[in-house]
Amino acid sequence: MKEYTVMINGTSQKIKADPDTPVLWILRDQLNLVGTKYGCGIAQCGACTVHLDGVAVRSCSVPISSVEDGKLTTIEGLSAEATHPLQEAWREHDVPQCGYCQAGQIMSAAALLKENKSPSDKDIDTAMQGNICRCATYVRIKAAIKTAAKNS
């Protein structure tokens, strides 16, 4: 085990872990940040999406050894009061059904809006590709992203 110092949601955290431990398990098992979900374990579903230095990454496939100098943001760090424009738009459009994928969906959308303040449908489709929703709320997700873009 090695000790890592990682900035997570604006707070410096000391982590003891094997170098190849996925960030997902550090977040969930060591830090009790359980908003980030385990979906597939192979970076294909998007449920585990977090930001690493502002870029959306799949935390199930990112080893803790690769993030020591970076800044991680989870759904819990997006807004302490859940008032981020995307979170508000998600509620306005009643996006979630089961809700399991929604943290990953929101984190991918937040990375998109950080780079593109007024995304087209194609931009949204491209950015959200790989975020799977078993409930198929894709139309509401797109509408919520457009609303958040207007309100940001």
N, C-alpha and C. Protein backbone atom coordinates (compact mmCIF):
# COMPACT_ATOMS: atom_id res chain seq x y z
N MET A 1 0.84 -1.19 0.00
CA MET A 1 0.00 0.00 0.00
C MET A 1 0.87 1.24 0.00
N LYS A 2 0.41 2.20 -0.73
CA LYS A 2 1.10 3.48 -0.81
C LYS A 2 0.15 4.57 -0.37
N GLU A 3 0.69 5.66 0.13
CA GLU A 3 -0.16 6.79 0.51
C GLU A 3 -0.14 7.84 -0.58
N TYR A 4 -1.32 8.30 -0.93
CA TYR A 4 -1.50 9.34 -1.95
C TYR A 4 -2.21 10.52 -1.31
N THR A 5 -1.86 11.70 -1.76
CA THR A 5 -2.60 12.90 -1.38
C THR A 5 -3.32 13.38 -2.63
N VAL A 6 -4.64 13.43 -2.54
CA VAL A 6 -5.46 13.76 -3.70
C VAL A 6 -6.45 14.85 -3.31
N MET A 7 -6.64 15.82 -4.20
CA MET A 7 -7.63 16.87 -3.99
C MET A 7 -8.97 16.34 -4.52
N ILE A 8 -9.92 16.16 -3.62
CA ILE A 8 -11.24 15.65 -3.99
C ILE A 8 -12.30 16.62 -3.49
N ASN A 9 -13.07 17.14 -4.42
CA ASN A 9 -14.13 18.12 -4.10
C ASN A 9 -13.59 19.29 -3.29
N GLY A 10 -12.38 19.72 -3.64
CA GLY A 10 -11.79 20.89 -3.00
C GLY A 10 -11.09 20.63 -1.68
N THR A 11 -11.04 19.38 -1.25
CA THR A 11 -10.41 19.03 0.01
C THR A 11 -9.28 18.05 -0.23
N SER A 12 -8.14 18.31 0.39
CA SER A 12 -7.01 17.41 0.27
C SER A 12 -7.29 16.16 1.11
N GLN A 13 -7.15 15.00 0.47
CA GLN A 13 -7.43 13.72 1.14
C GLN A 13 -6.18 12.85 1.09
N LYS A 14 -5.88 12.20 2.22
CA LYS A 14 -4.79 11.22 2.25
C LYS A 14 -5.43 9.85 2.07
N ILE A 15 -4.92 9.11 1.08
CA ILE A 15 -5.48 7.83 0.70
C ILE A 15 -4.39 6.78 0.78
N LYS A 16 -4.67 5.64 1.41
CA LYS A 16 -3.76 4.50 1.36
C LYS A 16 -4.40 3.45 0.48
N ALA A 17 -3.66 3.06 -0.56
CA ALA A 17 -4.22 2.10 -1.52
C ALA A 17 -3.12 1.52 -2.38
N ASP A 18 -3.41 0.39 -2.97
CA ASP A 18 -2.53 -0.16 -4.00
C ASP A 18 -2.59 0.79 -5.19
N PRO A 19 -1.48 0.97 -5.90
CA PRO A 19 -1.44 1.92 -7.01
C PRO A 19 -2.48 1.68 -8.10
N ASP A 20 -2.88 0.44 -8.30
CA ASP A 20 -3.83 0.15 -9.38
C ASP A 20 -5.29 0.14 -8.92
N THR A 21 -5.56 0.54 -7.68
CA THR A 21 -6.94 0.61 -7.20
C THR A 21 -7.71 1.67 -7.98
N PRO A 22 -8.85 1.32 -8.58
CA PRO A 22 -9.63 2.32 -9.29
C PRO A 22 -10.15 3.42 -8.36
N VAL A 23 -10.14 4.63 -8.86
CA VAL A 23 -10.64 5.78 -8.11
C VAL A 23 -12.06 5.52 -7.60
N LEU A 24 -12.88 4.85 -8.38
CA LEU A 24 -14.26 4.54 -7.96
C LEU A 24 -14.30 3.93 -6.57
N TRP A 25 -13.44 2.96 -6.32
CA TRP A 25 -13.48 2.25 -5.04
C TRP A 25 -12.89 3.09 -3.92
N ILE A 26 -11.97 3.98 -4.23
CA ILE A 26 -11.47 4.92 -3.23
C ILE A 26 -12.61 5.84 -2.79
N LEU A 27 -13.32 6.38 -3.78
CA LEU A 27 -14.43 7.29 -3.48
C LEU A 27 -15.50 6.61 -2.64
N ARG A 28 -15.93 5.44 -3.07
CA ARG A 28 -17.04 4.76 -2.41
C ARG A 28 -16.63 4.10 -1.08
N ASP A 29 -15.55 3.34 -1.10
CA ASP A 29 -15.21 2.52 0.06
C ASP A 29 -14.39 3.25 1.12
N GLN A 30 -13.52 4.16 0.72
CA GLN A 30 -12.69 4.85 1.70
C GLN A 30 -13.26 6.20 2.11
N LEU A 31 -13.89 6.90 1.18
CA LEU A 31 -14.34 8.26 1.46
C LEU A 31 -15.85 8.38 1.63
N ASN A 32 -16.56 7.29 1.42
CA ASN A 32 -18.02 7.26 1.54
C ASN A 32 -18.70 8.28 0.64
N LEU A 33 -18.12 8.53 -0.51
CA LEU A 33 -18.74 9.38 -1.54
C LEU A 33 -19.44 8.44 -2.50
N VAL A 34 -20.66 8.08 -2.17
CA VAL A 34 -21.36 6.99 -2.87
C VAL A 34 -22.27 7.48 -4.00
N GLY A 35 -22.22 8.75 -4.33
CA GLY A 35 -22.99 9.24 -5.47
C GLY A 35 -22.46 8.68 -6.78
N THR A 36 -21.17 8.43 -6.84
CA THR A 36 -20.55 7.83 -8.01
C THR A 36 -20.84 6.34 -7.97
N LYS A 37 -21.45 5.83 -9.02
CA LYS A 37 -21.94 4.44 -9.02
C LYS A 37 -21.04 3.50 -9.82
N TYR A 38 -21.07 2.24 -9.41
CA TYR A 38 -20.44 1.17 -10.18
C TYR A 38 -21.49 0.67 -11.16
N GLY A 39 -21.11 0.62 -12.43
CA GLY A 39 -22.02 0.11 -13.44
C GLY A 39 -21.47 -1.12 -14.10
N CYS A 40 -20.49 -0.93 -14.96
CA CYS A 40 -19.97 -2.06 -15.74
C CYS A 40 -18.56 -2.47 -15.36
N GLY A 41 -17.78 -1.55 -14.82
CA GLY A 41 -16.41 -1.84 -14.46
C GLY A 41 -15.42 -1.81 -15.61
N ILE A 42 -15.88 -1.48 -16.82
CA ILE A 42 -15.00 -1.44 -17.98
C ILE A 42 -15.12 -0.11 -18.75
N ALA A 43 -15.58 0.93 -18.09
CA ALA A 43 -15.64 2.29 -18.65
C ALA A 43 -16.55 2.41 -19.86
N GLN A 44 -17.62 1.63 -19.90
CA GLN A 44 -18.51 1.65 -21.05
C GLN A 44 -19.89 2.24 -20.76
N CYS A 45 -20.30 2.33 -19.48
CA CYS A 45 -21.68 2.75 -19.20
C CYS A 45 -21.81 4.19 -18.70
N GLY A 46 -20.75 4.74 -18.10
CA GLY A 46 -20.77 6.12 -17.65
C GLY A 46 -21.30 6.36 -16.25
N ALA A 47 -21.77 5.33 -15.55
CA ALA A 47 -22.33 5.52 -14.21
C ALA A 47 -21.30 6.05 -13.22
N CYS A 48 -20.03 5.77 -13.47
CA CYS A 48 -18.96 6.15 -12.54
C CYS A 48 -18.25 7.44 -12.94
N THR A 49 -18.85 8.23 -13.81
CA THR A 49 -18.19 9.44 -14.33
C THR A 49 -17.95 10.47 -13.23
N VAL A 50 -16.71 10.95 -13.18
CA VAL A 50 -16.30 12.06 -12.31
C VAL A 50 -15.46 12.99 -13.18
N HIS A 51 -15.05 14.11 -12.60
CA HIS A 51 -14.15 15.02 -13.32
C HIS A 51 -12.75 14.88 -12.77
N LEU A 52 -11.78 14.79 -13.65
CA LEU A 52 -10.37 14.85 -13.30
C LEU A 52 -9.83 16.08 -14.00
N ASP A 53 -9.49 17.08 -13.22
CA ASP A 53 -9.05 18.37 -13.76
C ASP A 53 -10.06 18.93 -14.75
N GLY A 54 -11.34 18.77 -14.44
CA GLY A 54 -12.42 19.33 -15.25
C GLY A 54 -12.86 18.49 -16.43
N VAL A 55 -12.20 17.38 -16.65
CA VAL A 55 -12.52 16.50 -17.78
C VAL A 55 -13.28 15.28 -17.26
N ALA A 56 -14.35 14.91 -17.94
CA ALA A 56 -15.12 13.73 -17.54
C ALA A 56 -14.31 12.47 -17.80
N VAL A 57 -14.16 11.65 -16.76
CA VAL A 57 -13.46 10.37 -16.85
C VAL A 57 -14.29 9.30 -16.16
N ARG A 58 -14.05 8.07 -16.54
CA ARG A 58 -14.72 6.92 -15.91
C ARG A 58 -13.86 6.44 -14.75
N SER A 59 -14.32 6.67 -13.55
CA SER A 59 -13.51 6.39 -12.36
C SER A 59 -13.25 4.90 -12.14
N CYS A 60 -14.02 4.03 -12.79
CA CYS A 60 -13.78 2.59 -12.63
C CYS A 60 -12.51 2.14 -13.33
N SER A 61 -12.01 2.96 -14.24
CA SER A 61 -10.83 2.56 -15.01
C SER A 61 -9.63 3.49 -14.79
N VAL A 62 -9.74 4.40 -13.86
CA VAL A 62 -8.65 5.33 -13.56
C VAL A 62 -7.99 4.91 -12.25
N PRO A 63 -6.74 4.47 -12.29
CA PRO A 63 -6.08 4.07 -11.05
C PRO A 63 -5.72 5.27 -10.18
N ILE A 64 -5.77 5.07 -8.88
CA ILE A 64 -5.46 6.15 -7.95
C ILE A 64 -4.06 6.70 -8.19
N SER A 65 -3.14 5.88 -8.64
CA SER A 65 -1.76 6.32 -8.87
C SER A 65 -1.66 7.39 -9.96
N SER A 66 -2.67 7.50 -10.81
CA SER A 66 -2.61 8.46 -11.91
C SER A 66 -3.27 9.80 -11.59
N VAL A 67 -3.80 9.97 -10.38
CA VAL A 67 -4.52 11.20 -10.08
C VAL A 67 -3.91 12.01 -8.94
N GLU A 68 -2.76 11.61 -8.46
CA GLU A 68 -2.20 12.25 -7.28
C GLU A 68 -2.02 13.76 -7.44
N ASP A 69 -1.66 14.21 -8.60
CA ASP A 69 -1.46 15.65 -8.80
C ASP A 69 -2.69 16.34 -9.39
N GLY A 70 -3.77 15.60 -9.57
CA GLY A 70 -4.96 16.16 -10.18
C GLY A 70 -6.01 16.55 -9.15
N LYS A 71 -7.08 17.11 -9.67
CA LYS A 71 -8.22 17.49 -8.83
C LYS A 71 -9.42 16.70 -9.30
N LEU A 72 -10.00 15.95 -8.39
CA LEU A 72 -11.20 15.16 -8.68
C LEU A 72 -12.43 15.89 -8.17
N THR A 73 -13.49 15.83 -8.96
CA THR A 73 -14.79 16.35 -8.54
C THR A 73 -15.81 15.26 -8.77
N THR A 74 -16.59 14.97 -7.74
CA THR A 74 -17.67 13.99 -7.82
C THR A 74 -19.00 14.73 -7.86
N ILE A 75 -20.07 13.98 -8.00
CA ILE A 75 -21.40 14.61 -7.98
C ILE A 75 -21.62 15.37 -6.67
N GLU A 76 -21.05 14.87 -5.57
CA GLU A 76 -21.19 15.56 -4.28
C GLU A 76 -20.47 16.91 -4.29
N GLY A 77 -19.41 17.03 -5.10
CA GLY A 77 -18.64 18.27 -5.16
C GLY A 77 -19.12 19.25 -6.20
N LEU A 78 -20.07 18.83 -7.02
CA LEU A 78 -20.59 19.73 -8.05
C LEU A 78 -21.31 20.91 -7.41
N SER A 79 -22.10 20.63 -6.38
CA SER A 79 -22.79 21.66 -5.62
C SER A 79 -23.24 21.06 -4.30
N ALA A 80 -22.79 21.63 -3.20
CA ALA A 80 -23.11 21.09 -1.87
C ALA A 80 -24.61 21.06 -1.61
N GLU A 81 -25.34 22.02 -2.18
CA GLU A 81 -26.79 22.10 -1.95
C GLU A 81 -27.60 21.57 -3.13
N ALA A 82 -26.93 20.91 -4.07
CA ALA A 82 -27.60 20.39 -5.28
C ALA A 82 -28.31 21.49 -6.06
N THR A 83 -27.62 22.63 -6.17
CA THR A 83 -28.20 23.78 -6.88
C THR A 83 -27.44 24.11 -8.16
N HIS A 84 -26.58 23.23 -8.59
CA HIS A 84 -25.92 23.44 -9.88
C HIS A 84 -27.02 23.53 -10.94
N PRO A 85 -26.85 24.38 -11.96
CA PRO A 85 -27.89 24.51 -12.99
C PRO A 85 -28.33 23.17 -13.61
N LEU A 86 -27.41 22.23 -13.74
CA LEU A 86 -27.80 20.92 -14.26
C LEU A 86 -28.69 20.16 -13.28
N GLN A 87 -28.35 20.21 -12.02
CA GLN A 87 -29.18 19.53 -11.02
C GLN A 87 -30.58 20.13 -10.95
N GLU A 88 -30.64 21.44 -11.05
CA GLU A 88 -31.95 22.09 -11.06
C GLU A 88 -32.73 21.74 -12.33
N ALA A 89 -32.06 21.71 -13.47
CA ALA A 89 -32.72 21.35 -14.73
C ALA A 89 -33.16 19.89 -14.71
N TRP A 90 -32.37 19.04 -14.09
CA TRP A 90 -32.75 17.61 -13.98
C TRP A 90 -34.07 17.49 -13.24
N ARG A 91 -34.22 18.26 -12.16
CA ARG A 91 -35.48 18.22 -11.40
C ARG A 91 -36.61 18.83 -12.22
N GLU A 92 -36.34 19.96 -12.88
CA GLU A 92 -37.36 20.64 -13.68
C GLU A 92 -37.93 19.72 -14.76
N HIS A 93 -37.07 18.95 -15.39
CA HIS A 93 -37.49 18.07 -16.48
C HIS A 93 -37.82 16.65 -16.01
N ASP A 94 -37.79 16.45 -14.69
CA ASP A 94 -38.13 15.15 -14.11
C ASP A 94 -37.36 14.03 -14.83
N VAL A 95 -36.05 14.21 -14.95
CA VAL A 95 -35.21 13.30 -15.73
C VAL A 95 -35.15 11.89 -15.15
N PRO A 96 -34.78 11.72 -13.88
CA PRO A 96 -34.53 10.35 -13.42
C PRO A 96 -35.79 9.51 -13.26
N GLN A 97 -35.64 8.27 -13.58
CA GLN A 97 -36.66 7.28 -13.22
C GLN A 97 -36.06 6.45 -12.09
N CYS A 98 -35.20 5.49 -12.42
CA CYS A 98 -34.56 4.73 -11.35
C CYS A 98 -33.47 5.56 -10.70
N GLY A 99 -32.82 6.43 -11.47
CA GLY A 99 -31.81 7.34 -10.94
C GLY A 99 -30.40 6.82 -10.89
N TYR A 100 -30.19 5.55 -11.15
CA TYR A 100 -28.87 4.95 -10.96
C TYR A 100 -27.78 5.63 -11.79
N CYS A 101 -28.06 5.95 -13.03
CA CYS A 101 -27.04 6.51 -13.93
C CYS A 101 -26.92 8.02 -13.83
N GLN A 102 -27.80 8.66 -13.10
CA GLN A 102 -27.94 10.11 -13.20
C GLN A 102 -26.73 10.91 -12.74
N ALA A 103 -26.01 10.46 -11.72
CA ALA A 103 -24.81 11.20 -11.31
C ALA A 103 -23.80 11.22 -12.45
N GLY A 104 -23.61 10.09 -13.09
CA GLY A 104 -22.69 10.04 -14.23
C GLY A 104 -23.16 10.88 -15.39
N GLN A 105 -24.47 10.86 -15.64
CA GLN A 105 -25.05 11.69 -16.71
C GLN A 105 -24.78 13.17 -16.42
N ILE A 106 -25.05 13.59 -15.21
CA ILE A 106 -24.87 15.00 -14.83
C ILE A 106 -23.40 15.40 -14.92
N MET A 107 -22.50 14.53 -14.48
CA MET A 107 -21.08 14.86 -14.53
C MET A 107 -20.59 14.98 -15.97
N SER A 108 -21.06 14.12 -16.86
CA SER A 108 -20.69 14.25 -18.28
C SER A 108 -21.26 15.54 -18.86
N ALA A 109 -22.49 15.86 -18.52
CA ALA A 109 -23.12 17.09 -19.01
C ALA A 109 -22.40 18.33 -18.47
N ALA A 110 -21.96 18.28 -17.21
CA ALA A 110 -21.25 19.42 -16.63
C ALA A 110 -19.92 19.66 -17.35
N ALA A 111 -19.23 18.59 -17.70
CA ALA A 111 -17.98 18.75 -18.45
C ALA A 111 -18.26 19.37 -19.82
N LEU A 112 -19.34 18.93 -20.45
CA LEU A 112 -19.73 19.51 -21.74
C LEU A 112 -19.98 21.01 -21.61
N LEU A 113 -20.81 21.41 -20.64
CA LEU A 113 -21.19 22.82 -20.50
C LEU A 113 -20.01 23.69 -20.08
N LYS A 114 -19.04 23.10 -19.43
CA LYS A 114 -17.85 23.87 -19.07
C LYS A 114 -17.09 24.26 -20.34
N GLU A 115 -17.08 23.39 -21.32
CA GLU A 115 -16.36 23.63 -22.58
C GLU A 115 -17.22 24.32 -23.63
N ASN A 116 -18.52 24.12 -23.58
CA ASN A 116 -19.42 24.61 -24.63
C ASN A 116 -20.68 25.15 -23.96
N LYS A 117 -20.78 26.45 -23.87
CA LYS A 117 -21.89 27.09 -23.14
C LYS A 117 -23.22 27.00 -23.87
N SER A 118 -23.19 26.70 -25.16
CA SER A 118 -24.41 26.62 -25.94
C SER A 118 -24.33 25.44 -26.92
N PRO A 119 -24.40 24.22 -26.39
CA PRO A 119 -24.21 23.04 -27.25
C PRO A 119 -25.41 22.77 -28.17
N SER A 120 -25.10 22.30 -29.35
CA SER A 120 -26.13 21.87 -30.29
C SER A 120 -26.58 20.45 -29.91
N ASP A 121 -27.63 19.97 -30.56
CA ASP A 121 -28.06 18.59 -30.32
C ASP A 121 -26.92 17.62 -30.60
N LYS A 122 -26.20 17.86 -31.68
CA LYS A 122 -25.09 16.97 -32.03
C LYS A 122 -23.99 17.02 -30.97
N ASP A 123 -23.70 18.22 -30.46
CA ASP A 123 -22.69 18.36 -29.40
C ASP A 123 -23.11 17.56 -28.16
N ILE A 124 -24.37 17.65 -27.82
CA ILE A 124 -24.88 16.93 -26.65
C ILE A 124 -24.79 15.43 -26.90
N ASP A 125 -25.24 14.99 -28.06
CA ASP A 125 -25.19 13.56 -28.38
C ASP A 125 -23.76 13.02 -28.30
N THR A 126 -22.82 13.79 -28.82
CA THR A 126 -21.42 13.36 -28.82
C THR A 126 -20.87 13.30 -27.39
N ALA A 127 -21.13 14.34 -26.61
CA ALA A 127 -20.61 14.39 -25.24
C ALA A 127 -21.22 13.33 -24.34
N MET A 128 -22.47 12.99 -24.60
CA MET A 128 -23.18 12.06 -23.73
C MET A 128 -23.06 10.61 -24.20
N GLN A 129 -22.44 10.42 -25.34
CA GLN A 129 -22.27 9.07 -25.87
C GLN A 129 -21.49 8.23 -24.85
N GLY A 130 -21.96 7.06 -24.58
CA GLY A 130 -21.31 6.21 -23.60
C GLY A 130 -21.89 6.33 -22.21
N ASN A 131 -22.82 7.25 -22.01
CA ASN A 131 -23.58 7.31 -20.75
C ASN A 131 -24.90 6.60 -21.01
N ILE A 132 -25.02 5.42 -20.46
CA ILE A 132 -26.18 4.58 -20.73
C ILE A 132 -27.23 4.76 -19.65
N CYS A 133 -28.47 4.90 -20.09
CA CYS A 133 -29.61 5.01 -19.18
C CYS A 133 -30.57 3.86 -19.51
N ARG A 134 -30.67 2.92 -18.60
CA ARG A 134 -31.55 1.77 -18.83
C ARG A 134 -33.02 2.19 -18.92
N CYS A 135 -33.35 3.30 -18.30
CA CYS A 135 -34.73 3.78 -18.34
C CYS A 135 -35.02 4.59 -19.60
N ALA A 136 -33.99 4.87 -20.37
CA ALA A 136 -34.11 5.57 -21.65
C ALA A 136 -34.70 6.97 -21.52
N THR A 137 -34.18 7.75 -20.59
CA THR A 137 -34.65 9.11 -20.41
C THR A 137 -33.84 10.12 -21.24
N TYR A 138 -33.32 9.66 -22.35
CA TYR A 138 -32.42 10.48 -23.16
C TYR A 138 -33.04 11.79 -23.64
N VAL A 139 -34.32 11.78 -23.99
CA VAL A 139 -34.98 13.01 -24.46
C VAL A 139 -35.03 14.03 -23.34
N ARG A 140 -35.35 13.58 -22.13
CA ARG A 140 -35.39 14.50 -20.99
C ARG A 140 -33.99 14.96 -20.59
N ILE A 141 -33.01 14.07 -20.72
CA ILE A 141 -31.62 14.46 -20.43
C ILE A 141 -31.20 15.59 -21.36
N LYS A 142 -31.47 15.43 -22.63
CA LYS A 142 -31.09 16.48 -23.61
C LYS A 142 -31.82 17.78 -23.30
N ALA A 143 -33.09 17.71 -22.97
CA ALA A 143 -33.85 18.92 -22.66
C ALA A 143 -33.28 19.60 -21.40
N ALA A 144 -32.90 18.81 -20.41
CA ALA A 144 -32.33 19.37 -19.18
C ALA A 144 -30.98 20.04 -19.46
N ILE A 145 -30.18 19.44 -20.31
CA ILE A 145 -28.89 20.05 -20.65
C ILE A 145 -29.11 21.39 -21.34
N LYS A 146 -30.07 21.45 -22.25
CA LYS A 146 -30.36 22.71 -22.95
C LYS A 146 -30.86 23.76 -21.96
N THR A 147 -31.71 23.38 -21.02
CA THR A 147 -32.19 24.31 -20.01
C THR A 147 -31.04 24.81 -19.14
N ALA A 148 -30.18 23.90 -18.72
CA ALA A 148 -29.04 24.29 -17.88
C ALA A 148 -28.11 25.23 -18.65
N ALA A 149 -27.93 24.97 -19.94
CA ALA A 149 -27.08 25.85 -20.76
C ALA A 149 -27.63 27.28 -20.77
N LYS A 150 -28.94 27.41 -20.85
CA LYS A 150 -29.57 28.73 -20.85
C LYS A 150 -29.46 29.41 -19.50
N ASN A 151 -29.47 28.60 -18.43
CA ASN A 151 -29.49 29.15 -17.06
C ASN A 151 -28.10 29.28 -16.43
N SER A 152 -27.08 28.91 -17.17
CA SER A 152 -25.72 28.97 -16.60
C SER A 152 -25.11 30.34 -16.76
